[in-house]
C-alpha atoms as a PDB file:
ATOM      1  CA  MET A   1      80.879 -60.558 -63.651  1.00  0.00           C
ATOM      2  CA  THR A   2      79.758 -58.123 -66.052  1.00  0.00           C
ATOM      3  CA  LEU A   3      77.587 -57.028 -62.518  1.00  0.00           C
ATOM      4  CA  ARG A   4      80.727 -56.315 -60.444  1.00  0.00           C
ATOM      5  CA  LEU A   5      82.772 -54.629 -63.301  1.00  0.00           C
ATOM      6  CA  LEU A   6      79.257 -52.471 -63.677  1.00  0.00           C
ATOM      7  CA  ALA A   7      80.045 -51.685 -59.445  1.00  0.00           C
ATOM      8  CA  LEU A   8      83.408 -50.751 -60.137  1.00  0.00           C
ATOM      9  CA  THR A   9      82.798 -48.730 -63.135  1.00  0.00           C
ATOM     10  CA  LEU A  10      80.014 -46.918 -61.007  1.00  0.00           C
ATOM     11  CA  LEU A  11      81.549 -46.794 -57.477  1.00  0.00           C
ATOM     12  CA  VAL A  12      85.461 -45.274 -59.142  1.00  0.00           C
ATOM     13  CA  PRO A  13      84.100 -41.821 -60.077  1.00  0.00           C
ATOM     14  CA  PHE A  14      81.474 -41.610 -57.731  1.00  0.00           C
ATOM     15  CA  ALA A  15      83.442 -42.629 -54.382  1.00  0.00           C
ATOM     16  CA  ALA A  16      86.669 -39.493 -56.350  1.00  0.00           C
ATOM     17  CA  TYR A  17      83.895 -37.337 -56.905  1.00  0.00           C
ATOM     18  CA  THR A  18      82.306 -37.827 -52.964  1.00  0.00           C
ATOM     19  CA  GLY A  19      86.212 -37.726 -51.721  1.00  0.00           C
ATOM     20  CA  TRP A  20      86.104 -34.098 -53.713  1.00  0.00           C
ATOM     21  CA  THR A  21      83.103 -32.510 -52.879  1.00  0.00           C
ATOM     22  CA  LEU A  22      83.945 -33.066 -48.799  1.00  0.00           C
ATOM     23  CA  MET A  23      87.161 -31.479 -49.310  1.00  0.00           C
ATOM     24  CA  ASN A  24      85.910 -28.955 -50.952  1.00  0.00           C
ATOM     25  CA  ALA A  25      82.815 -28.448 -48.496  1.00  0.00           C
ATOM     26  CA  GLU A  26      82.982 -25.260 -47.090  1.00  0.00           C
ATOM     27  CA  GLN A  27      80.103 -26.177 -44.255  1.00  0.00           C
ATOM     28  CA  SER A  28      80.712 -30.254 -42.916  1.00  0.00           C
ATOM     29  CA  LEU A  29      78.247 -32.914 -43.731  1.00  0.00           C
ATOM     30  CA  VAL A  30      75.924 -32.917 -40.039  1.00  0.00           C
ATOM     31  CA  ALA A  31      74.974 -29.568 -41.303  1.00  0.00           C
ATOM     32  CA  PHE A  32      74.807 -30.148 -45.054  1.00  0.00           C
ATOM     33  CA  GLY A  33      72.436 -32.486 -43.837  1.00  0.00           C
ATOM     34  CA  LEU A  34      70.402 -30.154 -41.317  1.00  0.00           C
ATOM     35  CA  GLU A  35      70.221 -27.190 -43.437  1.00  0.00           C
ATOM     36  CA  LEU A  36      68.833 -30.768 -45.988  1.00  0.00           C
ATOM     37  CA  MET A  37      65.628 -31.203 -43.062  1.00  0.00           C
ATOM     38  CA  ALA A  38      64.920 -27.603 -42.474  1.00  0.00           C
ATOM     39  CA  ARG A  39      62.583 -27.544 -45.764  1.00  0.00           C
ATOM     40  CA  PRO A  40      60.051 -30.214 -46.640  1.00  0.00           C
ATOM     41  CA  ASP A  41      61.101 -29.714 -50.664  1.00  0.00           C
ATOM     42  CA  THR A  42      64.564 -31.085 -49.667  1.00  0.00           C
ATOM     43  CA  ALA A  43      63.881 -33.101 -47.005  1.00  0.00           C
ATOM     44  CA  GLN A  44      61.575 -35.328 -48.781  1.00  0.00           C
ATOM     45  CA  VAL A  45      64.217 -35.828 -50.784  1.00  0.00           C
ATOM     46  CA  VAL A  46      66.937 -37.061 -48.133  1.00  0.00           C
ATOM     47  CA  ILE A  47      64.145 -39.529 -46.815  1.00  0.00           C
ATOM     48  CA  ASP A  48      63.179 -41.050 -50.120  1.00  0.00           C
ATOM     49  CA  LEU A  49      67.135 -41.974 -50.708  1.00  0.00           C
ATOM     50  CA  TYR A  50      67.776 -43.134 -47.260  1.00  0.00           C
ATOM     51  CA  LEU A  51      64.353 -45.491 -47.595  1.00  0.00           C
ATOM     52  CA  MET A  52      65.995 -46.822 -50.841  1.00  0.00           C
ATOM     53  CA  ALA A  53      69.553 -46.604 -48.673  1.00  0.00           C
ATOM     54  CA  GLY A  54      68.222 -49.125 -45.850  1.00  0.00           C
ATOM     55  CA  LEU A  55      66.336 -51.814 -48.563  1.00  0.00           C
ATOM     56  CA  GLY A  56      70.107 -51.362 -50.107  1.00  0.00           C
ATOM     57  CA  CYS A  57      71.269 -52.693 -46.036  1.00  0.00           C
ATOM     58  CA  CYS A  58      68.321 -54.943 -45.902  1.00  0.00           C
ATOM     59  CA  TRP A  59      69.182 -56.827 -49.494  1.00  0.00           C
ATOM     60  CA  MET A  60      73.178 -57.101 -48.500  1.00  0.00           C
ATOM     61  CA  VAL A  61      72.272 -58.343 -45.026  1.00  0.00           C
ATOM     62  CA  SER A  62      69.824 -60.575 -45.999  1.00  0.00           C
ATOM     63  CA  ASP A  63      72.731 -61.622 -49.530  1.00  0.00           C
ATOM     64  CA  ASN A  64      75.193 -61.825 -46.600  1.00  0.00           C
ATOM     65  CA  CYS A  65      72.753 -65.154 -44.674  1.00  0.00           C
ATOM     66  CA  ARG A  66      73.241 -66.539 -47.872  1.00  0.00           C
ATOM     67  CA  ARG A  67      76.294 -66.381 -48.386  1.00  0.00           C
ATOM     68  CA  ARG A  68      76.524 -68.158 -44.748  1.00  0.00           C
ATOM     69  CA  GLY A  69      78.156 -65.437 -43.663  1.00  0.00           C
ATOM     70  CA  THR A  70      79.053 -63.250 -39.708  1.00  0.00           C
ATOM     71  CA  TRP A  71      76.697 -59.980 -39.417  1.00  0.00           C
ATOM     72  CA  ILE A  72      80.286 -58.273 -38.935  1.00  0.00           C
ATOM     73  CA  SER A  73      81.358 -59.700 -42.240  1.00  0.00           C
ATOM     74  CA  VAL A  74      78.536 -57.297 -43.410  1.00  0.00           C
ATOM     75  CA  LEU A  75      78.926 -54.094 -41.068  1.00  0.00           C
ATOM     76  CA  PRO A  76      81.371 -51.973 -43.219  1.00  0.00           C
ATOM     77  CA  TYR A  77      78.702 -51.799 -46.340  1.00  0.00           C
ATOM     78  CA  LEU A  78      76.376 -51.240 -43.415  1.00  0.00           C
ATOM     79  CA  LEU A  79      78.135 -48.598 -41.569  1.00  0.00           C
ATOM     80  CA  LEU A  80      79.138 -46.988 -45.281  1.00  0.00           C
ATOM     81  CA  THR A  81      75.742 -46.916 -46.412  1.00  0.00           C
ATOM     82  CA  ALA A  82      74.361 -45.609 -43.604  1.00  0.00           C
ATOM     83  CA  VAL A  83      76.865 -42.298 -44.001  1.00  0.00           C
ATOM     84  CA  PHE A  84      77.245 -42.184 -48.319  1.00  0.00           C
ATOM     85  CA  VAL A  85      74.251 -44.374 -48.852  1.00  0.00           C
ATOM     86  CA  SER A  86      75.052 -45.811 -51.953  1.00  0.00           C
ATOM     87  CA  LEU A  87      79.093 -45.847 -51.998  1.00  0.00           C
ATOM     88  CA  GLY A  88      78.365 -49.280 -49.647  1.00  0.00           C
ATOM     89  CA  PRO A  89      75.932 -50.995 -51.200  1.00  0.00           C
ATOM     90  CA  LEU A  90      78.231 -49.946 -54.849  1.00  0.00           C
ATOM     91  CA  LEU A  91      81.465 -51.400 -52.519  1.00  0.00           C
ATOM     92  CA  TYR A  92      79.423 -54.406 -51.868  1.00  0.00           C
ATOM     93  CA  LEU A  93      78.687 -55.273 -55.379  1.00  0.00           C
ATOM     94  CA  ALA A  94      82.661 -54.316 -56.477  1.00  0.00           C
ATOM     95  CA  ILE A  95      83.606 -56.770 -53.942  1.00  0.00           C
ATOM     96  CA  ARG A  96      81.215 -59.821 -53.604  1.00  0.00           C
ATOM     97  CA  GLY A  97      78.982 -59.947 -56.364  1.00  0.00           C
ATOM     98  CA  VAL A  98      75.305 -61.071 -55.515  1.00  0.00           C
ATOM     99  CA  SER A  99      75.222 -64.951 -53.866  1.00  0.00           C
ATOM    100  CA  SER A 100      73.702 -65.838 -57.194  1.00  0.00           C
ATOM    101  CA  GLU A 101      76.330 -65.384 -59.963  1.00  0.00           C
ATOM    102  CA  ARG A 102      79.070 -68.394 -60.442  1.00  0.00           C
ATOM    103  CA  GLN A 103      81.783 -68.600 -58.470  1.00  0.00           C
ATOM    104  CA  ALA A 104      84.642 -68.795 -61.578  1.00  0.00           C
END
């Protein structure tokens, strides 16, 4: 339960901040991503971020399999991770926790 609460505590303000920045952005998310990939220094940060996103996706799929869930049940979290990176795993943790947690 503590992990779920921590994830929710991080998710809510970060999702709100992400939404606020997207509403006030002067360019699209795709244009921003392409601009970041144009320079080696910022491209390295993006690549690093998506490597961690990939690891997060692997963990969510693995955790979902341990719960005997279907692949479709984890798909929304994977898609959210593909676009907004940390929001997918944070939402997964806030809603589902981890399979080793005791069910209360």
